[in-house]
Amino acid sequence: MNCHRCGGLMLAEQFDDPHNYTNETEFVGWRCVNCGSIVDPVITGRQRRQSDPSPVNNPTHKEGLAMVRTVLLALSACVFLLSAQPLSAAPQPDPGFAPLKFLVGKWRGTDPEGQPITAFYRFTSGATSLTETLSPKKSPAMTTIYHLDGAYLMLTHYCSLNNQPRMRVNEYKEGDKELAFDFLDATNLKNPSDPHMHKVVFTFHDNDHYTQTWMFSKDGTETPKVFKFERVK
C-alpha cells in the first residue's frame, strides 16, 4: 500500500482508541515510513462525512429542521387557540345617541353663503362620543363632539373663533323632527357678548337630508346661520 501524499510505503500499525470513536479499544491503521502520514478508521470516517454534500447527514441541518418543526407546531397551536376565542363585538353607541346615529358617514351641502361644505360623522372613544367635522371650502374646518352627560345629550363645539361653547338638549321625544342644543357655558370666552355660537337646531327631513341652524351671538344679538346637507351616496 502506498501513501496518498508522497507515494511512500505504508505499514500496518496498531493504535489505541481512548475516545471510543471506533467502538474498539484498539484498532489497526497505516503509517507512511517516508512522511509519517497516518490513515485510520477515524480519519477515513471523517473524510467520508465531509465529502457527502447531502444536508440530511449534516447534524447542524438536522437540528435546524427540528427547530423549524417546533416553531411551526407552536404557531399552529397559537392559531388554533385564537380561532377558538369568540370575536369581540364592536362597541355599540349608547341609546341616548339615537337622534344622531343615522348621521354617521359623509355629507355634502351648502353653507350660509351658498358655498360648498362637507360634513363627516364617526363614533369615537369606544362609541361614547360622536365626532362631527365641518369643512367649508374657504374657511377652516370646525369640529364638534357630541356626548352624553347622564340622561342629557350634549355637544362641545371647537369653533374657528377660538372658543368652545357647550350646549345641551333639554327636551326631545322619539319621532321629533327637530333636535335643539341650548347654550350651557363656554371655555375661552372672556365676555358673554363676545362672538360665539349660542345655539344649534337640527332639522331632520329624511334619512338623506337634514339642516343645521346655528345661532351666532355677538353683542347680545343672534343671527341664524343655516347649513343644508344631503348624504353622499
Protein backbone atom coordinates (compact mmCIF):
# COMPACT_ATOMS: atom_id res chain seq x y z
CA MET A 1 0.00 0.00 0.00
CA ASN A 2 1.41 3.39 -0.99
CA CYS A 3 0.93 6.77 0.78
CA HIS A 4 -1.58 9.10 -0.94
CA ARG A 5 0.62 12.08 -0.08
CA CYS A 6 4.17 11.07 -1.01
CA GLY A 7 3.77 7.65 -2.58
CA GLY A 8 5.91 6.07 0.13
CA LEU A 9 5.40 2.62 1.63
CA MET A 10 2.54 2.30 4.18
CA LEU A 11 2.99 -0.19 7.02
CA ALA A 12 0.24 -1.56 9.29
CA GLU A 13 0.36 -0.32 12.87
CA GLN A 14 -1.79 -0.84 15.97
CA PHE A 15 -3.34 2.26 17.60
CA ASP A 16 -5.29 2.88 20.84
CA ASP A 17 -8.81 4.42 20.74
CA PRO A 18 -9.26 6.21 24.14
CA HIS A 19 -12.29 8.18 22.87
CA ASN A 20 -14.10 5.11 21.52
CA TYR A 21 -14.50 6.53 18.02
CA THR A 22 -14.34 3.01 16.56
CA ASN A 23 -16.17 1.14 19.32
CA GLU A 24 -12.87 -0.69 19.88
CA THR A 25 -10.13 -0.07 22.47
CA GLU A 26 -7.50 -0.82 19.82
CA PHE A 27 -7.55 -0.70 16.03
CA VAL A 28 -5.19 -1.15 13.10
CA GLY A 29 -4.15 1.77 10.93
CA TRP A 30 -1.46 2.54 8.36
CA ARG A 31 1.62 4.79 8.75
CA CYS A 32 3.84 6.02 5.91
CA VAL A 33 7.50 5.17 6.53
CA ASN A 34 8.52 8.17 4.38
CA CYS A 35 6.36 11.16 5.54
CA GLY A 36 4.66 9.68 8.63
CA SER A 37 1.10 10.20 7.31
CA ILE A 38 -1.46 8.05 9.15
CA VAL A 39 -4.62 6.54 7.72
CA ASP A 40 -7.03 5.03 10.27
CA PRO A 41 -10.81 4.33 10.56
CA VAL A 42 -11.44 7.63 12.40
CA ILE A 43 -9.81 9.73 9.69
CA THR A 44 -11.50 7.73 6.93
CA GLY A 45 -14.94 8.14 8.55
CA ARG A 46 -14.50 11.92 8.90
CA GLN A 47 -13.41 12.24 5.28
CA ARG A 48 -16.49 10.35 4.10
CA ARG A 49 -18.83 12.61 6.09
CA GLN A 50 -17.11 15.76 4.81
CA SER A 51 -17.24 14.54 1.21
CA ASP A 52 -21.01 13.85 1.42
CA PRO A 53 -22.77 17.14 0.38
CA SER A 54 -26.22 15.93 1.39
CA PRO A 55 -27.65 18.16 4.18
CA VAL A 56 -29.55 15.17 5.53
CA ASN A 57 -26.32 13.82 7.04
CA ASN A 58 -25.38 17.20 8.49
CA PRO A 59 -26.09 17.34 12.26
CA THR A 60 -26.49 21.13 12.11
CA HIS A 61 -29.06 20.78 9.33
CA LYS A 62 -30.96 18.17 11.34
CA GLU A 63 -31.02 20.46 14.38
CA GLY A 64 -32.33 23.34 12.20
CA LEU A 65 -35.12 21.15 10.81
CA ALA A 66 -36.09 20.13 14.33
CA MET A 67 -36.24 23.78 15.41
CA VAL A 68 -38.38 24.74 12.39
CA ARG A 69 -40.79 21.91 13.17
CA THR A 70 -41.03 23.08 16.81
CA VAL A 71 -41.76 26.68 15.76
CA LEU A 72 -44.40 25.60 13.22
CA LEU A 73 -46.11 23.44 15.82
CA ALA A 74 -46.14 26.35 18.28
CA LEU A 75 -47.58 28.72 15.66
CA SER A 76 -50.25 26.18 14.74
CA ALA A 77 -51.24 25.90 18.39
CA CYS A 78 -51.50 29.70 18.71
CA VAL A 79 -53.68 29.93 15.59
CA PHE A 80 -55.95 27.20 16.93
CA LEU A 81 -56.32 28.92 20.30
CA LEU A 82 -57.04 32.29 18.70
CA SER A 83 -59.62 30.82 16.34
CA ALA A 84 -61.32 29.15 19.29
CA GLN A 85 -61.81 32.51 21.06
CA PRO A 86 -65.09 34.33 20.34
CA LEU A 87 -64.65 37.59 18.42
CA SER A 88 -65.36 40.69 20.48
CA ALA A 89 -68.37 42.62 19.25
CA ALA A 90 -67.78 46.18 18.11
CA PRO A 91 -68.76 48.79 20.73
CA GLN A 92 -72.33 49.95 20.32
CA PRO A 93 -73.32 53.61 20.90
CA ASP A 94 -75.46 54.43 23.90
CA PRO A 95 -79.22 54.54 23.14
CA GLY A 96 -79.06 58.23 24.08
CA PHE A 97 -77.40 58.87 20.72
CA ALA A 98 -80.50 57.63 18.88
CA PRO A 99 -81.45 61.02 17.33
CA LEU A 100 -77.99 61.36 15.75
CA LYS A 101 -76.98 57.76 14.92
CA PHE A 102 -78.13 58.00 11.32
CA LEU A 103 -75.64 60.82 10.67
CA VAL A 104 -72.60 58.50 10.65
CA GLY A 105 -70.93 58.86 7.28
CA LYS A 106 -70.19 61.64 4.79
CA TRP A 107 -72.47 64.51 3.79
CA ARG A 108 -72.26 67.41 1.34
CA GLY A 109 -74.16 70.65 1.30
CA THR A 110 -74.02 74.42 1.33
CA ASP A 111 -73.06 76.99 3.98
CA PRO A 112 -74.97 80.20 4.75
CA GLU A 113 -73.30 81.91 1.77
CA GLY A 114 -74.23 79.09 -0.58
CA GLN A 115 -70.65 77.80 -0.76
CA PRO A 116 -69.93 74.04 -0.80
CA ILE A 117 -69.32 72.36 2.54
CA THR A 118 -68.82 68.77 3.63
CA ALA A 119 -69.64 67.08 6.93
CA PHE A 120 -68.25 63.83 8.27
CA TYR A 121 -69.56 61.93 11.31
CA ARG A 122 -67.99 58.96 13.11
CA PHE A 123 -68.26 57.34 16.52
CA THR A 124 -65.06 57.51 18.58
CA SER A 125 -63.71 56.53 22.01
CA GLY A 126 -65.47 53.18 22.11
CA ALA A 127 -68.71 54.65 20.70
CA THR A 128 -69.02 57.01 23.69
CA SER A 129 -68.84 60.13 21.51
CA LEU A 130 -69.84 61.21 18.01
CA THR A 131 -67.37 63.44 16.18
CA GLU A 132 -68.56 65.90 13.55
CA THR A 133 -66.12 67.64 11.18
CA LEU A 134 -67.45 70.52 9.09
CA SER A 135 -65.17 71.53 6.22
CA PRO A 136 -66.17 74.74 4.42
CA LYS A 137 -64.47 75.39 1.11
CA LYS A 138 -62.96 78.76 2.05
CA SER A 139 -62.82 78.59 5.86
CA PRO A 140 -61.03 76.48 8.48
CA ALA A 141 -62.58 73.14 9.38
CA MET A 142 -64.56 73.01 12.64
CA THR A 143 -65.06 70.06 14.98
CA THR A 144 -68.00 69.32 17.23
CA ILE A 145 -68.09 66.37 19.62
CA TYR A 146 -71.45 65.04 20.79
CA HIS A 147 -71.55 63.03 24.01
CA LEU A 148 -73.80 62.14 26.94
CA ASP A 149 -73.91 63.67 30.38
CA GLY A 150 -76.14 61.29 32.27
CA ALA A 151 -79.50 61.41 30.51
CA TYR A 152 -78.60 64.60 28.59
CA LEU A 153 -77.21 64.73 25.08
CA MET A 154 -74.55 67.42 24.88
CA LEU A 155 -72.05 68.91 22.46
CA THR A 156 -68.76 70.78 22.64
CA HIS A 157 -68.15 72.96 19.58
CA TYR A 158 -64.49 73.71 18.78
CA CYS A 159 -65.07 76.90 16.84
CA SER A 160 -62.70 78.75 14.50
CA LEU A 161 -63.43 81.80 16.69
CA ASN A 162 -61.13 80.11 19.25
CA ASN A 163 -63.78 79.45 21.86
CA GLN A 164 -65.57 76.23 22.76
CA PRO A 165 -69.29 76.53 23.53
CA ARG A 166 -71.02 73.66 25.31
CA MET A 167 -74.70 73.06 24.60
CA ARG A 168 -77.28 70.60 25.87
CA VAL A 169 -80.55 69.08 24.66
CA ASN A 170 -83.17 69.83 27.31
CA GLU A 171 -86.15 68.14 25.67
CA TYR A 172 -86.58 65.55 22.94
CA LYS A 173 -89.19 62.89 22.16
CA GLU A 174 -88.79 59.95 19.81
CA GLY A 175 -90.12 60.91 16.41
CA ASP A 176 -89.41 64.64 16.79
CA LYS A 177 -88.17 66.27 13.58
CA GLU A 178 -86.05 68.81 15.46
CA LEU A 179 -83.26 68.50 18.00
CA ALA A 180 -82.26 71.73 19.73
CA PHE A 181 -78.99 72.26 21.65
CA ASP A 182 -79.13 75.24 24.03
CA PHE A 183 -76.12 77.16 25.35
CA LEU A 184 -74.76 75.92 28.68
CA ASP A 185 -71.33 77.52 29.00
CA ALA A 186 -68.10 78.03 27.07
CA THR A 187 -64.35 77.90 27.52
CA ASN A 188 -62.03 80.63 26.29
CA LEU A 189 -64.93 83.10 26.13
CA LYS A 190 -63.87 86.18 28.09
CA ASN A 191 -67.16 88.02 27.80
CA PRO A 192 -70.65 86.66 27.06
CA SER A 193 -71.07 89.41 24.48
CA ASP A 194 -68.03 88.25 22.52
CA PRO A 195 -68.80 86.46 19.21
CA HIS A 196 -69.68 82.78 19.70
CA MET A 197 -72.15 80.10 18.65
CA HIS A 198 -75.02 80.16 21.12
CA LYS A 199 -77.42 77.50 19.87
CA VAL A 200 -77.87 74.91 17.12
CA VAL A 201 -81.01 73.19 15.86
CA PHE A 202 -81.00 70.02 13.75
CA THR A 203 -83.99 69.64 11.44
CA PHE A 204 -84.39 66.11 10.08
CA HIS A 205 -86.14 65.96 6.70
CA ASP A 206 -85.46 62.27 5.95
CA ASN A 207 -82.60 59.79 6.27
CA ASP A 208 -80.68 61.53 3.48
CA HIS A 209 -81.35 65.20 4.20
CA TYR A 210 -81.02 67.44 7.25
CA THR A 211 -80.40 71.07 8.15
CA GLN A 212 -78.30 72.69 10.86
CA THR A 213 -79.27 76.17 12.03
CA TRP A 214 -76.54 77.72 14.17
CA MET A 215 -77.31 80.90 16.14
CA PHE A 216 -74.34 83.24 16.01
CA SER A 217 -74.28 85.59 19.02
CA LYS A 218 -72.48 88.93 19.11
CA ASP A 219 -73.14 91.82 21.50
CA GLY A 220 -76.35 90.11 22.59
CA THR A 221 -77.74 89.82 19.05
CA GLU A 222 -78.30 86.40 17.50
CA THR A 223 -78.06 85.74 13.77
CA PRO A 224 -79.05 82.39 12.22
CA LYS A 225 -76.51 80.54 10.08
CA VAL A 226 -78.17 77.79 8.02
CA PHE A 227 -76.29 74.75 6.66
CA LYS A 228 -78.10 72.30 4.39
CA PHE A 229 -76.84 68.75 3.86
CA GLU A 230 -77.55 65.63 1.82
CA ARG A 231 -75.97 62.23 2.22
CA VAL A 232 -73.11 61.27 -0.09
CA LYS A 233 -74.18 58.06 -1.83
